[in-house]
Amino acid sequence: MNTLPIIDIAPLYQHDPAARQAVARQIDAACREWGFYYIRNHPITPARIAQLKAAAEDFFARPAAEKLRIDITQSTHHRGYGAIATEQLDPSRPSDLKETFDMGLHMSAEHPEVLAGKPLRGPNRHPAIEGWEALLQEHYEDMHGLSLTLLRAMAEALEIEQDFFDQRFTDPISVLRMIHYPPRQAASSTDQQGAGAHTDYGCITLLYQDNAGGLQVRSRDGQWIDAPPIEGTYVVNIGDMMARWSNDRYTSTPHRVISPLGVDRYSMPFFAEPHPDTEIRCLPNCSGPGNPAKYPPVSCSAYMLSRFAETYAYRRESANG
């Protein structure tokens, strides 16, 4: 059946090893077969989602001049507001019909890593909206916790140390993003999609999507299938970094967003990505005779910067500087 699996993760918060292992096996199967799945019975409350959705609608409805005070193209560490057509996820199509807000782990301008010029490190750049920063900071921390819960289950499925990912996700470069997709009628051409076909860059992505729909996933046989909103769930997918770690045992799956007709769409992905100095190298038990490591080792930050340069014109210009 061309439907993504729905996994109840409640056992991951209980003290029942057999139930945990059962969930880990379900996640393992979903990652192998699809690279995508839904989770339900996670700890993010409907009240929190409602607050975030209201905040997103408020922010994106504000005048362009106000939003551009935190223009992401003026940021050295990729934080702030991205205007429509700032991203081009599918190079064969026009730039994406969406606007964004990105935040990450906050580090002050005086932090040693910021002073040392470490890539993708620095302060968040929030709009001047009462309550915004506190709400998003709390949600960022909760999403980090949820991502670690899933990563521990994946460690169990991959038969590596239970805390393998915990160790590598201290002070991560994970990103919480808000996205607004205007109605399809606002497109510059019939070829412009909300988000062009792409794979995610990091380890796992956890996506809240509203009721507008539009997310599509490419199945292993090459068919585009809908991943419709399901009340109370997050959509989880594998990113390229996890594909490299697992030597393609878990492969990242292309997906896209077709902007809905007549309505605005809002989504909030959390991109779980480790500490920037983490070495992404094939896990010991994911290669062997007849199955050599497919990818050379690379640092998390070097890999992320290379992918940003492919997607954002302003990053290419900066890199070519």
C-alpha atoms as a PDB file:
ATOM      1  CA  MET A   1       0.000   0.000   0.000  1.00  0.00           C
ATOM      2  CA  ASN A   2       1.226   3.479  -0.851  1.00  0.00           C
ATOM      3  CA  THR A   3       0.652   4.934   2.589  1.00  0.00           C
ATOM      4  CA  LEU A   4       3.319   5.944   5.068  1.00  0.00           C
ATOM      5  CA  PRO A   5       3.465   3.980   8.329  1.00  0.00           C
ATOM      6  CA  ILE A   6       2.110   5.529  11.534  1.00  0.00           C
ATOM      7  CA  ILE A   7       4.114   4.579  14.624  1.00  0.00           C
ATOM      8  CA  ASP A   8       2.895   4.973  18.218  1.00  0.00           C
ATOM      9  CA  ILE A   9       5.984   6.111  20.142  1.00  0.00           C
ATOM     10  CA  ALA A  10       4.376   6.088  23.622  1.00  0.00           C
ATOM     11  CA  PRO A  11       6.502   3.035  24.610  1.00  0.00           C
ATOM     12  CA  LEU A  12       9.654   5.116  24.130  1.00  0.00           C
ATOM     13  CA  TYR A  13       8.607   7.036  27.250  1.00  0.00           C
ATOM     14  CA  GLN A  14       7.905   3.912  29.315  1.00  0.00           C
ATOM     15  CA  HIS A  15      10.073   1.359  31.148  1.00  0.00           C
ATOM     16  CA  ASP A  16       9.259  -1.693  29.078  1.00  0.00           C
ATOM     17  CA  PRO A  17      12.316  -2.906  27.109  1.00  0.00           C
ATOM     18  CA  ALA A  18      10.296  -5.275  24.924  1.00  0.00           C
ATOM     19  CA  ALA A  19       7.853  -2.518  23.933  1.00  0.00           C
ATOM     20  CA  ARG A  20      10.746  -0.143  23.212  1.00  0.00           C
ATOM     21  CA  GLN A  21      12.397  -2.751  20.998  1.00  0.00           C
ATOM     22  CA  ALA A  22       9.121  -3.256  19.134  1.00  0.00           C
ATOM     23  CA  VAL A  23       8.958   0.480  18.359  1.00  0.00           C
ATOM     24  CA  ALA A  24      12.643   0.472  17.329  1.00  0.00           C
ATOM     25  CA  ARG A  25      11.897  -2.359  14.879  1.00  0.00           C
ATOM     26  CA  GLN A  26       8.963  -0.421  13.420  1.00  0.00           C
ATOM     27  CA  ILE A  27      11.158   2.665  12.978  1.00  0.00           C
ATOM     28  CA  ASP A  28      13.886   0.523  11.402  1.00  0.00           C
ATOM     29  CA  ALA A  29      11.422  -0.969   8.888  1.00  0.00           C
ATOM     30  CA  ALA A  30       9.964   2.449   8.044  1.00  0.00           C
ATOM     31  CA  CYS A  31      13.430   3.960   7.519  1.00  0.00           C
ATOM     32  CA  ARG A  32      14.458   1.091   5.249  1.00  0.00           C
ATOM     33  CA  GLU A  33      11.254   0.964   3.199  1.00  0.00           C
ATOM     34  CA  TRP A  34      10.249   4.616   3.049  1.00  0.00           C
ATOM     35  CA  GLY A  35      12.686   6.937   4.799  1.00  0.00           C
ATOM     36  CA  PHE A  36       9.441   8.540   6.077  1.00  0.00           C
ATOM     37  CA  TYR A  37       6.885   7.782   8.763  1.00  0.00           C
ATOM     38  CA  TYR A  38       4.379   9.464  11.089  1.00  0.00           C
ATOM     39  CA  ILE A  39       4.642   9.432  14.879  1.00  0.00           C
ATOM     40  CA  ARG A  40       1.757   9.741  17.312  1.00  0.00           C
ATOM     41  CA  ASN A  41       1.558   9.975  21.110  1.00  0.00           C
ATOM     42  CA  HIS A  42       4.501  12.372  21.218  1.00  0.00           C
ATOM     43  CA  PRO A  43       4.739  14.975  24.022  1.00  0.00           C
ATOM     44  CA  ILE A  44       4.132  18.145  21.947  1.00  0.00           C
ATOM     45  CA  THR A  45       0.683  19.393  23.003  1.00  0.00           C
ATOM     46  CA  PRO A  46      -2.103  20.703  20.750  1.00  0.00           C
ATOM     47  CA  ALA A  47      -2.023  23.923  22.794  1.00  0.00           C
ATOM     48  CA  ARG A  48       1.646  24.453  21.895  1.00  0.00           C
ATOM     49  CA  ILE A  49       0.950  23.830  18.217  1.00  0.00           C
ATOM     50  CA  ALA A  50      -1.916  26.341  18.295  1.00  0.00           C
ATOM     51  CA  GLN A  51       0.347  28.975  19.875  1.00  0.00           C
ATOM     52  CA  LEU A  52       3.042  28.423  17.255  1.00  0.00           C
ATOM     53  CA  LYS A  53       0.585  28.503  14.365  1.00  0.00           C
ATOM     54  CA  ALA A  54      -0.868  31.792  15.623  1.00  0.00           C
ATOM     55  CA  ALA A  55       2.634  33.239  16.016  1.00  0.00           C
ATOM     56  CA  ALA A  56       3.570  32.173  12.473  1.00  0.00           C
ATOM     57  CA  GLU A  57       0.416  33.691  10.977  1.00  0.00           C
ATOM     58  CA  ASP A  58       1.096  36.939  12.839  1.00  0.00           C
ATOM     59  CA  PHE A  59       4.740  37.179  11.783  1.00  0.00           C
ATOM     60  CA  PHE A  60       4.352  36.292   8.116  1.00  0.00           C
ATOM     61  CA  ALA A  61       1.410  38.719   7.733  1.00  0.00           C
ATOM     62  CA  ARG A  62       3.604  41.664   8.765  1.00  0.00           C
ATOM     63  CA  PRO A  63       5.033  44.130   6.236  1.00  0.00           C
ATOM     64  CA  ALA A  64       8.073  42.976   4.266  1.00  0.00           C
ATOM     65  CA  ALA A  65      10.161  45.836   5.652  1.00  0.00           C
ATOM     66  CA  GLU A  66       9.558  44.621   9.208  1.00  0.00           C
ATOM     67  CA  LYS A  67      10.405  41.015   8.390  1.00  0.00           C
ATOM     68  CA  LEU A  68      13.536  42.025   6.486  1.00  0.00           C
ATOM     69  CA  ARG A  69      14.980  43.619   9.616  1.00  0.00           C
ATOM     70  CA  ILE A  70      16.146  40.062  10.345  1.00  0.00           C
ATOM     71  CA  ASP A  71      16.926  39.174   6.706  1.00  0.00           C
ATOM     72  CA  ILE A  72      18.678  35.801   6.595  1.00  0.00           C
ATOM     73  CA  THR A  73      20.857  36.898   3.679  1.00  0.00           C
ATOM     74  CA  GLN A  74      22.485  39.434   6.017  1.00  0.00           C
ATOM     75  CA  SER A  75      23.355  36.699   8.531  1.00  0.00           C
ATOM     76  CA  THR A  76      26.697  34.899   8.563  1.00  0.00           C
ATOM     77  CA  HIS A  77      25.209  31.936  10.448  1.00  0.00           C
ATOM     78  CA  HIS A  78      21.914  31.418   8.611  1.00  0.00           C
ATOM     79  CA  ARG A  79      19.375  32.814  11.081  1.00  0.00           C
ATOM     80  CA  GLY A  80      16.304  34.957  10.570  1.00  0.00           C
ATOM     81  CA  TYR A  81      13.771  35.632   7.821  1.00  0.00           C
ATOM     82  CA  GLY A  82      13.960  34.200   4.316  1.00  0.00           C
ATOM     83  CA  ALA A  83      11.838  36.027   1.751  1.00  0.00           C
ATOM     84  CA  ILE A  84       9.872  34.274  -0.993  1.00  0.00           C
ATOM     85  CA  ALA A  85      12.154  32.741  -3.644  1.00  0.00           C
ATOM     86  CA  THR A  86      15.231  32.918  -1.382  1.00  0.00           C
ATOM     87  CA  GLU A  87      15.593  29.119  -1.672  1.00  0.00           C
ATOM     88  CA  GLN A  88      15.830  26.931  -4.746  1.00  0.00           C
ATOM     89  CA  LEU A  89      15.596  23.318  -3.594  1.00  0.00           C
ATOM     90  CA  ASP A  90      15.087  21.891  -7.091  1.00  0.00           C
ATOM     91  CA  PRO A  91      17.602  23.480  -9.502  1.00  0.00           C
ATOM     92  CA  SER A  92      15.446  22.466 -12.478  1.00  0.00           C
ATOM     93  CA  ARG A  93      12.555  24.668 -11.290  1.00  0.00           C
ATOM     94  CA  PRO A  94      12.080  28.312 -10.254  1.00  0.00           C
ATOM     95  CA  SER A  95      12.954  29.296  -6.680  1.00  0.00           C
ATOM     96  CA  ASP A  96      10.470  28.129  -4.064  1.00  0.00           C
ATOM     97  CA  LEU A  97       7.115  29.802  -3.377  1.00  0.00           C
ATOM     98  CA  LYS A  98       7.588  30.105   0.374  1.00  0.00           C
ATOM     99  CA  GLU A  99       8.934  32.387   3.094  1.00  0.00           C
ATOM    100  CA  THR A 100      10.710  31.167   6.201  1.00  0.00           C
ATOM    101  CA  PHE A 101      12.013  31.904   9.673  1.00  0.00           C
ATOM    102  CA  ASP A 102      15.030  29.967  10.984  1.00  0.00           C
ATOM    103  CA  MET A 103      16.448  29.711  14.506  1.00  0.00           C
ATOM    104  CA  GLY A 104      18.993  27.420  16.116  1.00  0.00           C
ATOM    105  CA  LEU A 105      20.988  27.002  19.301  1.00  0.00           C
ATOM    106  CA  HIS A 106      21.521  30.517  20.618  1.00  0.00           C
ATOM    107  CA  MET A 107      25.128  31.551  21.200  1.00  0.00           C
ATOM    108  CA  SER A 108      25.883  35.151  22.133  1.00  0.00           C
ATOM    109  CA  ALA A 109      28.300  37.220  20.091  1.00  0.00           C
ATOM    110  CA  GLU A 110      30.783  36.830  22.977  1.00  0.00           C
ATOM    111  CA  HIS A 111      30.656  33.016  23.011  1.00  0.00           C
ATOM    112  CA  PRO A 112      34.136  31.500  22.351  1.00  0.00           C
ATOM    113  CA  GLU A 113      32.873  29.523  19.347  1.00  0.00           C
ATOM    114  CA  VAL A 114      31.358  32.661  17.821  1.00  0.00           C
ATOM    115  CA  LEU A 115      34.497  34.700  18.485  1.00  0.00           C
ATOM    116  CA  ALA A 116      36.523  31.887  16.877  1.00  0.00           C
ATOM    117  CA  GLY A 117      34.413  32.173  13.728  1.00  0.00           C
ATOM    118  CA  LYS A 118      32.953  28.667  13.942  1.00  0.00           C
ATOM    119  CA  PRO A 119      30.489  28.160  11.091  1.00  0.00           C
ATOM    120  CA  LEU A 120      26.743  28.162  11.801  1.00  0.00           C
ATOM    121  CA  ARG A 121      27.275  29.530  15.327  1.00  0.00           C
ATOM    122  CA  GLY A 122      25.855  32.767  16.676  1.00  0.00           C
ATOM    123  CA  PRO A 123      22.867  34.513  18.224  1.00  0.00           C
ATOM    124  CA  ASN A 124      19.312  33.951  17.089  1.00  0.00           C
ATOM    125  CA  ARG A 125      17.620  36.865  15.311  1.00  0.00           C
ATOM    126  CA  HIS A 126      14.014  37.122  16.425  1.00  0.00           C
ATOM    127  CA  PRO A 127      11.310  39.572  15.391  1.00  0.00           C
ATOM    128  CA  ALA A 128      10.305  42.167  17.972  1.00  0.00           C
ATOM    129  CA  ILE A 129       7.021  40.430  18.861  1.00  0.00           C
ATOM    130  CA  GLU A 130       6.059  40.063  22.507  1.00  0.00           C
ATOM    131  CA  GLY A 131       6.373  36.481  23.729  1.00  0.00           C
ATOM    132  CA  TRP A 132       7.819  35.200  20.438  1.00  0.00           C
ATOM    133  CA  GLU A 133      11.365  34.435  21.573  1.00  0.00           C
ATOM    134  CA  ALA A 134      10.335  32.640  24.779  1.00  0.00           C
ATOM    135  CA  LEU A 135       7.753  30.511  22.911  1.00  0.00           C
ATOM    136  CA  LEU A 136      10.133  29.457  20.165  1.00  0.00           C
ATOM    137  CA  GLN A 137      13.036  28.838  22.539  1.00  0.00           C
ATOM    138  CA  GLU A 138      10.900  26.519  24.662  1.00  0.00           C
ATOM    139  CA  HIS A 139       9.673  24.696  21.567  1.00  0.00           C
ATOM    140  CA  TYR A 140      13.213  24.360  20.202  1.00  0.00           C
ATOM    141  CA  GLU A 141      14.296  22.656  23.426  1.00  0.00           C
ATOM    142  CA  ASP A 142      11.268  20.347  23.419  1.00  0.00           C
ATOM    143  CA  MET A 143      11.858  19.364  19.795  1.00  0.00           C
ATOM    144  CA  HIS A 144      15.512  18.663  20.582  1.00  0.00           C
ATOM    145  CA  GLY A 145      14.337  16.321  23.331  1.00  0.00           C
ATOM    146  CA  LEU A 146      11.859  14.583  21.024  1.00  0.00           C
ATOM    147  CA  SER A 147      14.494  14.132  18.325  1.00  0.00           C
ATOM    148  CA  LEU A 148      16.868  12.508  20.844  1.00  0.00           C
ATOM    149  CA  THR A 149      14.107  10.105  21.905  1.00  0.00           C
ATOM    150  CA  LEU A 150      13.743   8.978  18.284  1.00  0.00           C
ATOM    151  CA  LEU A 151      17.510   8.846  17.752  1.00  0.00           C
ATOM    152  CA  ARG A 152      17.910   6.552  20.782  1.00  0.00           C
ATOM    153  CA  ALA A 153      15.369   4.188  19.227  1.00  0.00           C
ATOM    154  CA  MET A 154      17.316   4.329  15.966  1.00  0.00           C
ATOM    155  CA  ALA A 155      20.541   3.571  17.850  1.00  0.00           C
ATOM    156  CA  GLU A 156      18.812   0.489  19.237  1.00  0.00           C
ATOM    157  CA  ALA A 157      17.681  -0.525  15.754  1.00  0.00           C
ATOM    158  CA  LEU A 158      21.193   0.018  14.369  1.00  0.00           C
ATOM    159  CA  GLU A 159      22.659  -1.975  17.288  1.00  0.00           C
ATOM    160  CA  ILE A 160      25.058   0.756  18.339  1.00  0.00           C
ATOM    161  CA  GLU A 161      25.597   2.323  21.772  1.00  0.00           C
ATOM    162  CA  GLN A 162      22.321   3.647  23.191  1.00  0.00           C
ATOM    163  CA  ASP A 163      23.876   7.063  23.819  1.00  0.00           C
ATOM    164  CA  PHE A 164      25.746   7.290  20.486  1.00  0.00           C
ATOM    165  CA  PHE A 165      23.620  10.177  19.239  1.00  0.00           C
ATOM    166  CA  ASP A 166      23.241  11.819  22.671  1.00  0.00           C
ATOM    167  CA  GLN A 167      27.015  12.281  22.748  1.00  0.00           C
ATOM    168  CA  ARG A 168      27.063  13.868  19.316  1.00  0.00           C
ATOM    169  CA  PHE A 169      24.019  16.109  19.738  1.00  0.00           C
ATOM    170  CA  THR A 170      25.420  18.235  22.569  1.00  0.00           C
ATOM    171  CA  ASP A 171      25.238  21.879  21.435  1.00  0.00           C
ATOM    172  CA  PRO A 172      23.863  20.824  18.040  1.00  0.00           C
ATOM    173  CA  ILE A 173      23.291  22.912  14.936  1.00  0.00           C
ATOM    174  CA  SER A 174      19.675  21.715  14.774  1.00  0.00           C
ATOM    175  CA  VAL A 175      17.285  24.216  13.200  1.00  0.00           C
ATOM    176  CA  LEU A 176      13.672  25.044  14.016  1.00  0.00           C
ATOM    177  CA  ARG A 177      11.963  26.566  11.006  1.00  0.00           C
ATOM    178  CA  MET A 178       8.593  28.181  10.386  1.00  0.00           C
ATOM    179  CA  ILE A 179       7.353  28.182   6.777  1.00  0.00           C
ATOM    180  CA  HIS A 180       4.528  30.037   5.069  1.00  0.00           C
ATOM    181  CA  TYR A 181       3.420  28.839   1.638  1.00  0.00           C
ATOM    182  CA  PRO A 182       1.167  31.352  -0.156  1.00  0.00           C
ATOM    183  CA  PRO A 183      -1.662  29.930  -2.289  1.00  0.00           C
ATOM    184  CA  ARG A 184      -0.634  28.423  -5.624  1.00  0.00           C
ATOM    185  CA  GLN A 185      -2.252  31.333  -7.479  1.00  0.00           C
ATOM    186  CA  ALA A 186       0.599  33.552  -6.223  1.00  0.00           C
ATOM    187  CA  ALA A 187       3.210  31.527  -8.159  1.00  0.00           C
ATOM    188  CA  SER A 188       5.367  33.342 -10.712  1.00  0.00           C
ATOM    189  CA  SER A 189       4.792  30.482 -13.182  1.00  0.00           C
ATOM    190  CA  THR A 190       3.143  27.069 -13.345  1.00  0.00           C
ATOM    191  CA  ASP A 191       6.592  25.529 -12.720  1.00  0.00           C
ATOM    192  CA  GLN A 192       7.052  27.235  -9.342  1.00  0.00           C
ATOM    193  CA  GLN A 193       6.361  24.839  -6.480  1.00  0.00           C
ATOM    194  CA  GLY A 194       6.052  25.535  -2.761  1.00  0.00           C
ATOM    195  CA  ALA A 195       9.196  23.494  -2.192  1.00  0.00           C
ATOM    196  CA  GLY A 196      10.959  21.799  -5.066  1.00  0.00           C
ATOM    197  CA  ALA A 197      11.879  18.123  -4.891  1.00  0.00           C
ATOM    198  CA  HIS A 198      14.792  17.593  -2.504  1.00  0.00           C
ATOM    199  CA  THR A 199      16.253  15.472   0.256  1.00  0.00           C
ATOM    200  CA  ASP A 200      16.956  16.960   3.681  1.00  0.00           C
ATOM    201  CA  TYR A 201      20.547  17.562   4.692  1.00  0.00           C
ATOM    202  CA  GLY A 202      20.702  16.505   8.340  1.00  0.00           C
ATOM    203  CA  CYS A 203      19.967  13.385  10.375  1.00  0.00           C
ATOM    204  CA  ILE A 204      16.211  13.372  10.900  1.00  0.00           C
ATOM    205  CA  THR A 205      13.491  15.947  10.283  1.00  0.00           C
ATOM    206  CA  LEU A 206      10.359  16.216  12.426  1.00  0.00           C
ATOM    207  CA  LEU A 207       7.589  18.078  10.635  1.00  0.00           C
ATOM    208  CA  TYR A 208       4.371  19.627  11.861  1.00  0.00           C
ATOM    209  CA  GLN A 209       2.081  20.500   8.948  1.00  0.00           C
ATOM    210  CA  ASP A 210      -1.271  22.236   9.135  1.00  0.00           C
ATOM    211  CA  ASN A 211      -4.452  21.015   7.446  1.00  0.00           C
ATOM    212  CA  ALA A 212      -3.793  22.576   4.022  1.00  0.00           C
ATOM    213  CA  GLY A 213      -1.933  19.539   2.646  1.00  0.00           C
ATOM    214  CA  GLY A 214       0.545  19.551  -0.228  1.00  0.00           C
ATOM    215  CA  LEU A 215       3.420  17.383   1.052  1.00  0.00           C
ATOM    216  CA  GLN A 216       4.375  14.606  -1.360  1.00  0.00           C
ATOM    217  CA  VAL A 217       6.935  11.818  -0.934  1.00  0.00           C
ATOM    218  CA  ARG A 218       8.593   9.818  -3.701  1.00  0.00           C
ATOM    219  CA  SER A 219       8.200   6.108  -3.059  1.00  0.00           C
ATOM    220  CA  ARG A 220      10.989   3.635  -3.787  1.00  0.00           C
ATOM    221  CA  ASP A 221       9.358   2.818  -7.144  1.00  0.00           C
ATOM    222  CA  GLY A 222       9.459   6.478  -8.168  1.00  0.00           C
ATOM    223  CA  GLN A 223       5.803   7.391  -7.635  1.00  0.00           C
ATOM    224  CA  TRP A 224       4.840  10.648  -5.913  1.00  0.00           C
ATOM    225  CA  ILE A 225       2.363   9.934  -3.097  1.00  0.00           C
ATOM    226  CA  ASP A 226       0.573  12.344  -0.779  1.00  0.00           C
ATOM    227  CA  ALA A 227       1.626  12.581   2.870  1.00  0.00           C
ATOM    228  CA  PRO A 228      -1.561  14.209   4.143  1.00  0.00           C
ATOM    229  CA  PRO A 229      -1.865  15.947   7.514  1.00  0.00           C
ATOM    230  CA  ILE A 230      -2.993  13.578  10.281  1.00  0.00           C
ATOM    231  CA  GLU A 231      -4.236  15.227  13.463  1.00  0.00           C
ATOM    232  CA  GLY A 232      -1.824  14.912  16.397  1.00  0.00           C
ATOM    233  CA  THR A 233       1.108  13.528  14.412  1.00  0.00           C
ATOM    234  CA  TYR A 234       4.523  14.598  13.251  1.00  0.00           C
ATOM    235  CA  VAL A 235       5.995  13.400   9.980  1.00  0.00           C
ATOM    236  CA  VAL A 236       9.558  12.116  10.444  1.00  0.00           C
ATOM    237  CA  ASN A 237      12.044  11.599   7.638  1.00  0.00           C
ATOM    238  CA  ILE A 238      15.651  10.584   7.174  1.00  0.00           C
ATOM    239  CA  GLY A 239      18.196  13.169   6.021  1.00  0.00           C
ATOM    240  CA  ASP A 240      21.362  12.733   3.982  1.00  0.00           C
ATOM    241  CA  MET A 241      23.641  12.803   7.022  1.00  0.00           C
ATOM    242  CA  MET A 242      21.905   9.755   8.502  1.00  0.00           C
ATOM    243  CA  ALA A 243      22.116   8.037   5.110  1.00  0.00           C
ATOM    244  CA  ARG A 244      25.890   8.565   5.193  1.00  0.00           C
ATOM    245  CA  TRP A 245      26.149   7.350   8.807  1.00  0.00           C
ATOM    246  CA  SER A 246      24.133   4.200   8.027  1.00  0.00           C
ATOM    247  CA  ASN A 247      25.776   3.571   4.629  1.00  0.00           C
ATOM    248  CA  ASP A 248      22.346   3.858   2.977  1.00  0.00           C
ATOM    249  CA  ARG A 249      20.702   1.286   5.215  1.00  0.00           C
ATOM    250  CA  TYR A 250      18.468   4.277   5.842  1.00  0.00           C
ATOM    251  CA  THR A 251      18.218   6.418   2.723  1.00  0.00           C
ATOM    252  CA  SER A 252      16.907   9.949   2.523  1.00  0.00           C
ATOM    253  CA  THR A 253      13.764  10.195   0.421  1.00  0.00           C
ATOM    254  CA  PRO A 254      12.983  12.985  -2.051  1.00  0.00           C
ATOM    255  CA  HIS A 255       9.930  15.016  -1.168  1.00  0.00           C
ATOM    256  CA  ARG A 256       8.277  18.237  -2.287  1.00  0.00           C
ATOM    257  CA  VAL A 257       5.439  20.621  -1.453  1.00  0.00           C
ATOM    258  CA  ILE A 258       2.797  21.484  -4.022  1.00  0.00           C
ATOM    259  CA  SER A 259       1.280  24.752  -2.822  1.00  0.00           C
ATOM    260  CA  PRO A 260      -2.438  24.317  -2.127  1.00  0.00           C
ATOM    261  CA  LEU A 261      -5.074  26.147  -4.128  1.00  0.00           C
ATOM    262  CA  GLY A 262      -6.786  29.081  -2.496  1.00  0.00           C
ATOM    263  CA  VAL A 263      -5.352  28.728   1.019  1.00  0.00           C
ATOM    264  CA  ASP A 264      -2.137  29.529   2.850  1.00  0.00           C
ATOM    265  CA  ARG A 265      -0.111  26.615   4.230  1.00  0.00           C
ATOM    266  CA  TYR A 266       2.005  26.702   7.393  1.00  0.00           C
ATOM    267  CA  SER A 267       4.498  24.098   8.504  1.00  0.00           C
ATOM    268  CA  MET A 268       7.180  23.829  11.183  1.00  0.00           C
ATOM    269  CA  PRO A 269      10.034  21.407  10.559  1.00  0.00           C
ATOM    270  CA  PHE A 270      12.737  20.688  13.112  1.00  0.00           C
ATOM    271  CA  PHE A 271      15.981  19.608  11.455  1.00  0.00           C
ATOM    272  CA  ALA A 272      18.004  17.524  13.929  1.00  0.00           C
ATOM    273  CA  GLU A 273      21.710  17.992  13.211  1.00  0.00           C
ATOM    274  CA  PRO A 274      24.649  17.201  15.530  1.00  0.00           C
ATOM    275  CA  HIS A 275      27.487  19.283  16.938  1.00  0.00           C
ATOM    276  CA  PRO A 276      29.271  20.937  13.986  1.00  0.00           C
ATOM    277  CA  ASP A 277      32.587  19.173  14.699  1.00  0.00           C
ATOM    278  CA  THR A 278      30.964  15.719  14.612  1.00  0.00           C
ATOM    279  CA  GLU A 279      32.587  13.381  12.103  1.00  0.00           C
ATOM    280  CA  ILE A 280      30.003  11.673   9.898  1.00  0.00           C
ATOM    281  CA  ARG A 281      31.600   8.297   9.186  1.00  0.00           C
ATOM    282  CA  CYS A 282      30.045   4.954   8.281  1.00  0.00           C
ATOM    283  CA  LEU A 283      28.944   3.120  11.431  1.00  0.00           C
ATOM    284  CA  PRO A 284      31.070   0.002  12.061  1.00  0.00           C
ATOM    285  CA  ASN A 285      28.218  -2.470  11.618  1.00  0.00           C
ATOM    286  CA  CYS A 286      26.806  -0.797   8.492  1.00  0.00           C
ATOM    287  CA  SER A 287      29.598  -1.977   6.205  1.00  0.00           C
ATOM    288  CA  GLY A 288      31.420  -5.231   5.605  1.00  0.00           C
ATOM    289  CA  PRO A 289      32.601  -7.631   2.900  1.00  0.00           C
ATOM    290  CA  GLY A 290      30.675  -6.842  -0.253  1.00  0.00           C
ATOM    291  CA  ASN A 291      29.243  -3.686   1.343  1.00  0.00           C
ATOM    292  CA  PRO A 292      32.063  -1.145   1.667  1.00  0.00           C
ATOM    293  CA  ALA A 293      31.561   2.352   3.041  1.00  0.00           C
ATOM    294  CA  LYS A 294      30.066   4.454   0.241  1.00  0.00           C
ATOM    295  CA  TYR A 295      30.921   7.909   1.560  1.00  0.00           C
ATOM    296  CA  PRO A 296      34.166   9.451   2.813  1.00  0.00           C
ATOM    297  CA  PRO A 297      34.167  10.842   6.360  1.00  0.00           C
ATOM    298  CA  VAL A 298      33.145  14.504   6.591  1.00  0.00           C
ATOM    299  CA  SER A 299      32.517  16.941   9.413  1.00  0.00           C
ATOM    300  CA  CYS A 300      28.943  17.967  10.061  1.00  0.00           C
ATOM    301  CA  SER A 301      29.659  21.668   9.457  1.00  0.00           C
ATOM    302  CA  ALA A 302      31.576  21.089   6.207  1.00  0.00           C
ATOM    303  CA  TYR A 303      28.768  18.959   4.848  1.00  0.00           C
ATOM    304  CA  MET A 304      26.030  21.402   5.846  1.00  0.00           C
ATOM    305  CA  LEU A 305      27.867  24.379   4.333  1.00  0.00           C
ATOM    306  CA  SER A 306      28.315  22.510   1.050  1.00  0.00           C
ATOM    307  CA  ARG A 307      24.580  21.794   0.886  1.00  0.00           C
ATOM    308  CA  PHE A 308      23.628  25.371   1.796  1.00  0.00           C
ATOM    309  CA  ALA A 309      25.763  26.622  -1.093  1.00  0.00           C
ATOM    310  CA  GLU A 310      23.709  24.474  -3.489  1.00  0.00           C
ATOM    311  CA  THR A 311      20.384  25.841  -2.235  1.00  0.00           C
ATOM    312  CA  TYR A 312      20.896  29.521  -1.416  1.00  0.00           C
ATOM    313  CA  ALA A 313      22.249  32.046  -3.891  1.00  0.00           C
ATOM    314  CA  TYR A 314      23.494  34.271  -1.066  1.00  0.00           C
ATOM    315  CA  ARG A 315      25.556  31.362   0.369  1.00  0.00           C
ATOM    316  CA  ARG A 316      27.146  30.715  -3.026  1.00  0.00           C
ATOM    317  CA  GLU A 317      28.058  34.363  -3.341  1.00  0.00           C
ATOM    318  CA  SER A 318      29.503  34.310   0.185  1.00  0.00           C
ATOM    319  CA  ALA A 319      31.517  31.157  -0.521  1.00  0.00           C
ATOM    320  CA  ASN A 320      32.859  32.589  -3.779  1.00  0.00           C
ATOM    321  CA  GLY A 321      33.380  35.913  -2.033  1.00  0.00           C
END
